[in-house]
Amino acid sequence: MTLRDMLPGLLVVLALAGCGGEPPPGETPGFAGLGEASEGFVPASPGMTLRFPEDHGPHPATRIEWWYLTANLKDAAGEPLGLQWTLFRQALAPPEEAPPEARPVPAPWATDQLWMAHMAVSRGATHRVAERFARSHSRQGDGQAGVRARPFAAWLDDWRLESRVDDPDADTFERLTLVAHQDDAHGGFGYRLELTAEGPLVLHGEAGFSQKTADGQGSMYYSQPFWRIEGEVTLDGETRTVSGRGWLDREWSSQLLEPEQSGWDWVALHLDSGHKLMAYRLRGGGEAGGDFLFGNVIAPDGAATPVAQGGLRLTPLSTSLVAGRELPTRWRLELPAQGLDLVVEARHSERWMTTSVPYWEGEVRVSDHDSDEALGEGYLEMTGY
């Protein structure tokens, strides 16, 4: 199944879920139709200038967007835990061409944006996942789901990532609170966490334009990889005090990929040296039908060194059988110019996200390929398998 195949089914899932219905039976749709045509939407392109805090907020003139947090945490006894919280936005139609003053006031039930949120908590072999949907109109302000830039807040129902900075003239993205909880048959899971930025935002690619194919299409993409996190995590009804490191990705586009691209493999790593590393392999879209790769090596002070196609290798070393699929859960990541030859390995293979758009995402440990010395930790995401 290609990404072009995914969109119609996903839109049905989103629309039905937003109305309280169930996803249709049959083959599960794939990840967000990111190879679909984008006529009428505003494309991401080189030369665009990112502006903050405005770009922490939504971009309804683009087709797809997300606010995406992963975290590597430990409890008071030193046991590792992982978590994810993501809010996805998808526009249903291109923006209206009429100037705002000439547009009619939208009806109370009008919808031009669909929202999907995922959360997950992992510890040992346990992996709990939840998903919610909502819909909104880009001109109706606060609703069941949405994002605002100042003071920053992103939410779907009572799942909220929002600023804890009181001064509206300050950087309200610098300190955030994340609250999400889901009841389930195991006693419930969720978290209440405080995030404090200990470094700057990092722009990927060309001043924030991240190329995704050899033909040049891509997304606007930046990260906050310097979150220090403290708080509480609940899993199966048991609450533990935790602390650790987080990574938040912000990305938006109108056509992220080419239709023939089947998915991606992405890592975000915290190295013990203080460096951070993001790398992805898009399966297809490269020269002569090959894969397209990109990476960013981030110094402890936030200075970024982009690594373009040809400057890195991301190679599967071994697979695990997960959800009836053979998935590569151990990788070799080579960046010769930076003197890095790493092994990135899942802590546990059972990290399948059993959401309407299924994918694998979980914690990884990082070691030196030759010496096996432990070098860090992070997160791995794999879609389209």
Protein backbone atom coordinates (compact mmCIF):
# COMPACT_ATOMS: atom_id res chain seq x y z
CA MET A 1 0.00 0.00 0.00
CA THR A 2 1.42 3.38 -0.96
CA LEU A 3 0.81 6.64 0.83
CA ARG A 4 -1.50 7.75 -1.99
CA ASP A 5 -3.73 4.78 -1.18
CA MET A 6 -4.01 5.84 2.44
CA LEU A 7 -5.86 9.15 2.33
CA PRO A 8 -9.43 8.16 1.39
CA GLY A 9 -9.69 5.59 4.13
CA LEU A 10 -8.07 7.88 6.66
CA LEU A 11 -10.50 10.69 5.94
CA VAL A 12 -13.40 8.30 6.45
CA VAL A 13 -11.87 7.21 9.75
CA LEU A 14 -11.38 10.79 10.88
CA ALA A 15 -14.79 11.98 9.77
CA LEU A 16 -16.64 9.06 11.35
CA ALA A 17 -14.63 9.25 14.56
CA GLY A 18 -15.23 12.99 14.78
CA CYS A 19 -18.96 12.24 14.60
CA GLY A 20 -18.73 9.50 17.22
CA GLY A 21 -18.80 6.64 14.70
CA GLU A 22 -16.45 3.71 14.21
CA PRO A 23 -13.80 3.22 11.53
CA PRO A 24 -14.99 1.15 8.60
CA PRO A 25 -14.12 -2.56 8.45
CA GLY A 26 -11.50 -3.85 6.06
CA GLU A 27 -7.96 -2.84 5.35
CA THR A 28 -6.58 -0.23 7.74
CA PRO A 29 -5.65 3.05 6.05
CA GLY A 30 -2.05 4.19 6.13
CA PHE A 31 -0.32 7.27 7.41
CA ALA A 32 -2.14 10.48 6.48
CA GLY A 33 -2.10 10.30 2.68
CA LEU A 34 1.10 12.30 2.60
CA GLY A 35 1.64 11.61 -1.09
CA GLU A 36 -1.70 13.01 -2.19
CA ALA A 37 -1.94 15.92 -4.60
CA SER A 38 -2.07 19.35 -2.96
CA GLU A 39 -3.77 21.68 -5.44
CA GLY A 40 -5.08 24.81 -3.77
CA PHE A 41 -3.06 24.43 -0.58
CA VAL A 42 -0.02 26.55 0.27
CA PRO A 43 3.15 24.49 -0.37
CA ALA A 44 6.21 24.39 1.86
CA SER A 45 9.20 25.65 -0.08
CA PRO A 46 12.81 26.84 0.29
CA GLY A 47 13.09 30.50 1.19
CA MET A 48 10.18 30.51 3.63
CA THR A 49 11.07 32.24 6.88
CA LEU A 50 10.01 30.75 10.19
CA ARG A 51 8.69 33.23 12.74
CA PHE A 52 8.14 32.58 16.42
CA PRO A 53 5.91 32.39 18.30
CA GLU A 54 3.55 32.45 15.28
CA ASP A 55 4.84 29.18 13.82
CA HIS A 56 4.17 27.30 17.05
CA GLY A 57 0.52 27.73 16.07
CA PRO A 58 -1.47 26.08 13.25
CA HIS A 59 -1.10 26.65 9.50
CA PRO A 60 -4.61 25.92 8.17
CA ALA A 61 -3.67 26.90 4.60
CA THR A 62 -1.42 23.81 4.49
CA ARG A 63 -2.88 20.32 4.26
CA ILE A 64 -1.10 18.42 7.05
CA GLU A 65 0.61 19.32 10.31
CA TRP A 66 1.67 17.87 13.65
CA TRP A 67 2.96 18.62 17.16
CA TYR A 68 4.90 15.53 18.18
CA LEU A 69 6.53 14.78 21.55
CA THR A 70 8.55 11.72 22.57
CA ALA A 71 10.35 11.28 25.88
CA ASN A 72 12.88 8.95 27.48
CA LEU A 73 12.22 8.93 31.23
CA LYS A 74 13.27 7.05 34.37
CA ASP A 75 11.41 6.52 37.61
CA ALA A 76 12.91 6.98 41.09
CA ALA A 77 14.37 3.46 40.96
CA GLY A 78 16.04 4.10 37.62
CA GLU A 79 13.67 1.97 35.55
CA PRO A 80 13.24 3.37 32.00
CA LEU A 81 9.87 4.48 30.65
CA GLY A 82 8.90 5.94 27.30
CA LEU A 83 6.04 8.13 26.22
CA GLN A 84 4.58 9.78 23.16
CA TRP A 85 1.96 12.51 22.69
CA THR A 86 1.02 13.77 19.24
CA LEU A 87 -1.62 16.08 17.81
CA PHE A 88 -2.22 15.81 14.04
CA ARG A 89 -4.16 18.32 11.93
CA GLN A 90 -5.49 17.68 8.42
CA ALA A 91 -7.32 20.24 6.29
CA LEU A 92 -10.39 18.98 4.46
CA ALA A 93 -10.25 21.56 1.65
CA PRO A 94 -7.97 24.35 0.41
CA PRO A 95 -8.40 27.74 2.08
CA GLU A 96 -11.07 30.09 0.81
CA GLU A 97 -9.88 32.62 -1.76
CA ALA A 98 -12.17 35.46 -0.68
CA PRO A 99 -10.73 38.02 1.76
CA PRO A 100 -11.73 37.40 5.38
CA GLU A 101 -14.18 40.33 5.49
CA ALA A 102 -16.08 38.88 2.50
CA ARG A 103 -16.43 35.37 3.92
CA PRO A 104 -19.68 34.34 5.59
CA VAL A 105 -19.57 33.41 9.26
CA PRO A 106 -19.21 29.60 9.40
CA ALA A 107 -22.19 27.64 10.68
CA PRO A 108 -21.81 26.11 14.17
CA TRP A 109 -21.28 22.62 12.73
CA ALA A 110 -19.00 23.74 9.87
CA THR A 111 -15.77 21.76 9.63
CA ASP A 112 -12.65 22.41 7.59
CA GLN A 113 -10.04 20.83 9.90
CA LEU A 114 -9.81 17.28 11.26
CA TRP A 115 -7.73 16.43 14.32
CA MET A 116 -6.25 13.17 15.58
CA ALA A 117 -4.29 12.71 18.82
CA HIS A 118 -2.18 9.75 19.94
CA MET A 119 -0.69 8.97 23.32
CA ALA A 120 1.39 6.04 24.51
CA VAL A 121 3.18 4.92 27.67
CA SER A 122 5.77 2.13 27.67
CA ARG A 123 7.62 0.30 30.43
CA GLY A 124 9.36 -3.01 29.96
CA ALA A 125 7.18 -5.27 27.81
CA THR A 126 4.08 -3.14 28.53
CA HIS A 127 2.89 -0.69 25.87
CA ARG A 128 -0.39 1.18 26.25
CA VAL A 129 -1.85 3.24 23.38
CA ALA A 130 -4.85 5.55 23.00
CA GLU A 131 -6.30 7.63 20.17
CA ARG A 132 -8.88 10.41 19.91
CA PHE A 133 -10.46 12.41 17.08
CA ALA A 134 -12.11 15.79 16.71
CA ARG A 135 -13.07 18.33 14.08
CA SER A 136 -13.09 22.12 13.98
CA HIS A 137 -13.31 25.16 11.74
CA SER A 138 -10.22 27.32 11.31
CA ARG A 139 -12.25 30.49 11.91
CA GLN A 140 -14.12 29.43 15.03
CA GLY A 141 -11.37 29.82 17.66
CA ASP A 142 -11.26 27.48 20.66
CA GLY A 143 -13.15 24.23 20.30
CA GLN A 144 -12.89 20.53 21.02
CA ALA A 145 -9.41 20.50 19.47
CA GLY A 146 -7.00 23.14 18.31
CA VAL A 147 -3.72 25.00 18.76
CA ARG A 148 -2.89 28.61 19.54
CA ALA A 149 0.51 30.25 19.41
CA ARG A 150 0.27 32.83 22.22
CA PRO A 151 0.06 31.75 24.96
CA PHE A 152 0.91 28.37 23.47
CA ALA A 153 -1.64 25.60 23.86
CA ALA A 154 -2.43 22.43 21.88
CA TRP A 155 -5.33 20.22 22.89
CA LEU A 156 -7.90 17.61 22.01
CA ASP A 157 -10.56 17.25 24.71
CA ASP A 158 -8.70 17.17 28.04
CA TRP A 159 -5.39 16.07 26.54
CA ARG A 160 -3.43 19.34 26.68
CA LEU A 161 0.08 20.60 26.00
CA GLU A 162 0.17 24.22 27.13
CA SER A 163 2.39 27.00 28.37
CA ARG A 164 3.09 27.59 32.05
CA VAL A 165 4.67 31.01 31.36
CA ASP A 166 2.51 33.75 32.88
CA ASP A 167 3.92 36.70 30.94
CA PRO A 168 2.18 36.81 27.51
CA ASP A 169 5.08 38.87 26.14
CA ALA A 170 7.64 36.22 27.08
CA ASP A 171 8.44 33.01 25.20
CA THR A 172 5.40 30.97 26.18
CA PHE A 173 6.84 27.90 24.40
CA GLU A 174 9.82 27.75 26.78
CA ARG A 175 8.03 25.98 29.64
CA LEU A 176 5.09 23.67 28.99
CA THR A 177 2.79 21.33 30.89
CA LEU A 178 1.52 18.11 29.32
CA VAL A 179 -1.56 16.41 30.79
CA ALA A 180 -3.23 13.35 29.28
CA HIS A 181 -4.97 10.33 30.76
CA GLN A 182 -6.88 7.41 29.33
CA ASP A 183 -9.04 4.96 31.24
CA ASP A 184 -8.76 1.34 30.17
CA ALA A 185 -9.31 -2.21 31.40
CA HIS A 186 -5.83 -2.27 33.00
CA GLY A 187 -6.42 0.60 35.41
CA GLY A 188 -5.64 3.54 33.16
CA PHE A 189 -2.50 5.27 31.93
CA GLY A 190 -1.29 8.77 31.30
CA TYR A 191 0.95 11.54 32.60
CA ARG A 192 1.24 14.99 34.07
CA LEU A 193 4.60 16.45 33.13
CA GLU A 194 6.48 19.74 33.18
CA LEU A 195 8.75 20.48 30.21
CA THR A 196 11.56 23.04 30.47
CA ALA A 197 13.65 23.98 27.43
CA GLU A 198 17.39 23.87 28.21
CA GLY A 199 18.49 24.80 24.68
CA PRO A 200 17.26 26.58 21.55
CA LEU A 201 14.86 25.52 18.83
CA VAL A 202 16.60 23.74 15.95
CA LEU A 203 15.65 24.28 12.30
CA HIS A 204 16.11 21.33 9.96
CA GLY A 205 17.21 21.40 6.33
CA GLU A 206 17.48 24.80 4.64
CA ALA A 207 16.51 27.29 7.37
CA GLY A 208 13.56 25.09 8.28
CA PHE A 209 12.65 23.69 4.85
CA SER A 210 13.20 19.93 5.02
CA GLN A 211 13.51 18.28 1.62
CA LYS A 212 11.87 14.86 1.44
CA THR A 213 12.36 13.77 -2.20
CA ALA A 214 14.91 14.12 -4.96
CA ASP A 215 12.33 16.24 -6.82
CA GLY A 216 12.49 18.85 -4.08
CA GLN A 217 9.19 18.66 -2.24
CA GLY A 218 9.15 18.63 1.52
CA SER A 219 7.96 20.32 4.68
CA MET A 220 8.68 23.08 7.14
CA TYR A 221 10.33 21.32 10.07
CA TYR A 222 11.85 22.37 13.37
CA SER A 223 12.39 20.69 16.73
CA GLN A 224 12.87 21.42 20.39
CA PRO A 225 15.25 18.58 21.33
CA PHE A 226 16.37 20.07 24.66
CA TRP A 227 13.39 19.40 26.92
CA ARG A 228 14.09 18.52 30.53
CA ILE A 229 11.02 16.69 31.84
CA GLU A 230 9.77 16.06 35.37
CA GLY A 231 6.46 14.82 36.63
CA GLU A 232 4.34 11.74 37.08
CA VAL A 233 3.44 8.84 34.79
CA THR A 234 0.58 6.44 35.46
CA LEU A 235 0.61 2.96 33.95
CA ASP A 236 -1.92 0.24 34.75
CA GLY A 237 -3.22 2.36 37.62
CA GLU A 238 0.20 2.81 39.28
CA THR A 239 1.69 6.33 39.38
CA ARG A 240 5.44 6.94 39.50
CA THR A 241 7.55 10.07 39.76
CA VAL A 242 9.74 10.40 36.66
CA SER A 243 12.36 12.61 35.05
CA GLY A 244 14.27 12.58 31.80
CA ARG A 245 14.62 14.07 28.32
CA GLY A 246 12.15 14.91 25.58
CA TRP A 247 12.09 15.80 21.90
CA LEU A 248 9.28 17.77 20.24
CA ASP A 249 8.92 17.92 16.44
CA ARG A 250 6.89 20.51 14.54
CA GLU A 251 6.18 19.86 10.88
CA TRP A 252 3.71 21.07 8.26
CA SER A 253 3.34 20.65 4.53
CA SER A 254 0.80 20.34 1.75
CA GLN A 255 2.51 17.45 -0.03
CA LEU A 256 5.19 15.94 2.14
CA LEU A 257 6.11 12.96 -0.03
CA GLU A 258 5.78 11.49 -3.51
CA PRO A 259 2.93 9.00 -4.09
CA GLU A 260 5.32 6.07 -4.59
CA GLN A 261 7.05 6.58 -1.25
CA SER A 262 5.83 3.85 1.08
CA GLY A 263 6.86 5.22 4.48
CA TRP A 264 9.81 6.28 6.60
CA ASP A 265 12.23 5.27 9.32
CA TRP A 266 13.07 8.13 11.72
CA VAL A 267 15.30 8.42 14.77
CA ALA A 268 15.72 11.23 17.31
CA LEU A 269 18.64 10.58 19.65
CA HIS A 270 20.06 12.08 22.85
CA LEU A 271 23.77 11.25 23.01
CA ASP A 272 25.60 11.20 26.33
CA SER A 273 28.08 13.72 24.91
CA GLY A 274 25.29 16.33 24.96
CA HIS A 275 24.82 16.15 21.19
CA LYS A 276 21.46 15.40 19.60
CA LEU A 277 20.88 13.62 16.32
CA MET A 278 17.87 13.39 14.00
CA ALA A 279 17.93 11.19 10.90
CA TYR A 280 15.36 9.74 8.54
CA ARG A 281 15.18 7.35 5.62
CA LEU A 282 12.22 7.81 3.29
CA ARG A 283 11.68 4.59 1.39
CA GLY A 284 11.65 5.70 -2.23
CA GLY A 285 11.89 9.22 -3.59
CA GLY A 286 15.65 9.25 -4.04
CA GLU A 287 17.69 9.24 -7.21
CA ALA A 288 16.84 6.40 -9.61
CA GLY A 289 14.07 5.19 -7.32
CA GLY A 290 16.32 4.75 -4.29
CA ASP A 291 15.71 5.91 -0.75
CA PHE A 292 15.99 9.54 0.38
CA LEU A 293 17.99 10.24 3.55
CA PHE A 294 18.70 13.29 5.67
CA GLY A 295 20.14 13.97 9.11
CA ASN A 296 20.96 16.80 11.49
CA VAL A 297 23.74 16.66 14.09
CA ILE A 298 23.01 19.13 16.90
CA ALA A 299 25.76 20.38 19.21
CA PRO A 300 25.13 20.89 22.94
CA ASP A 301 24.72 24.64 22.30
CA GLY A 302 22.10 24.00 19.60
CA ALA A 303 24.31 24.61 16.55
CA ALA A 304 23.14 22.25 13.79
CA THR A 305 25.13 20.50 11.07
CA PRO A 306 22.81 19.22 8.31
CA VAL A 307 23.83 15.94 6.70
CA ALA A 308 22.36 15.61 3.24
CA GLN A 309 21.79 12.60 0.98
CA GLY A 310 25.09 10.69 0.67
CA GLY A 311 26.45 11.87 4.01
CA LEU A 312 24.77 9.19 6.10
CA ARG A 313 23.76 5.57 5.94
CA LEU A 314 20.87 4.00 7.84
CA THR A 315 20.94 0.24 7.48
CA PRO A 316 18.72 -2.42 9.10
CA LEU A 317 20.75 -5.02 11.02
CA SER A 318 18.04 -7.34 12.33
CA THR A 319 14.26 -7.65 12.46
CA SER A 320 11.58 -8.66 14.92
CA LEU A 321 8.15 -10.13 14.27
CA VAL A 322 5.68 -7.49 15.49
CA ALA A 323 1.94 -7.48 14.78
CA GLY A 324 2.46 -10.06 12.02
CA ARG A 325 5.13 -7.92 10.32
CA GLU A 326 8.90 -8.26 10.10
CA LEU A 327 10.15 -4.90 11.35
CA PRO A 328 13.77 -3.71 11.54
CA THR A 329 14.29 -3.03 15.25
CA ARG A 330 18.10 -2.87 15.18
CA TRP A 331 19.86 -0.37 12.90
CA ARG A 332 23.33 0.83 11.98
CA LEU A 333 23.59 4.61 11.62
CA GLU A 334 26.80 5.86 9.98
CA LEU A 335 27.88 9.49 9.59
CA PRO A 336 31.50 9.23 8.37
CA ALA A 337 32.20 12.98 8.29
CA GLN A 338 31.17 13.26 11.94
CA GLY A 339 33.09 10.13 12.98
CA LEU A 340 29.92 8.42 14.16
CA ASP A 341 29.19 4.73 13.63
CA LEU A 342 26.24 3.84 15.83
CA VAL A 343 23.93 0.95 16.57
CA VAL A 344 20.35 2.00 17.35
CA GLU A 345 18.35 -0.82 18.94
CA ALA A 346 14.81 -1.00 20.30
CA ARG A 347 14.63 -1.64 24.03
CA HIS A 348 11.56 -3.79 23.37
CA SER A 349 10.15 -4.83 20.02
CA GLU A 350 6.49 -4.70 21.10
CA ARG A 351 5.87 -1.02 20.46
CA TRP A 352 3.22 -1.31 17.73
CA MET A 353 0.82 1.63 17.76
CA THR A 354 -2.59 -0.02 17.42
CA THR A 355 -4.21 3.16 16.12
CA SER A 356 -6.42 3.72 13.09
CA VAL A 357 -3.22 4.51 11.22
CA PRO A 358 -0.88 1.85 12.64
CA TYR A 359 2.89 2.26 12.94
CA TRP A 360 5.81 1.31 15.19
CA GLU A 361 7.28 3.75 17.68
CA GLY A 362 9.37 3.16 20.76
CA GLU A 363 12.43 3.81 22.84
CA VAL A 364 15.90 2.88 21.61
CA ARG A 365 19.36 2.63 23.12
CA VAL A 366 22.41 3.85 21.23
CA SER A 367 25.86 2.23 21.28
CA ASP A 368 29.13 2.36 19.37
CA HIS A 369 29.15 -0.12 16.49
CA ASP A 370 32.69 -1.37 17.13
CA SER A 371 33.07 -1.25 20.91
CA ASP A 372 29.41 -1.69 21.98
CA GLU A 373 29.92 1.22 24.40
CA ALA A 374 26.62 2.78 25.48
CA LEU A 375 26.33 6.26 23.96
CA GLY A 376 22.76 7.41 24.53
CA GLU A 377 19.06 6.85 24.01
CA GLY A 378 16.17 8.12 21.94
CA TYR A 379 13.15 7.17 19.89
CA LEU A 380 12.57 5.29 16.63
CA GLU A 381 9.49 5.59 14.44
CA MET A 382 8.71 3.37 11.44
CA THR A 383 5.68 3.82 9.18
CA GLY A 384 4.32 2.05 6.12
CA TYR A 385 5.18 -1.53 7.10
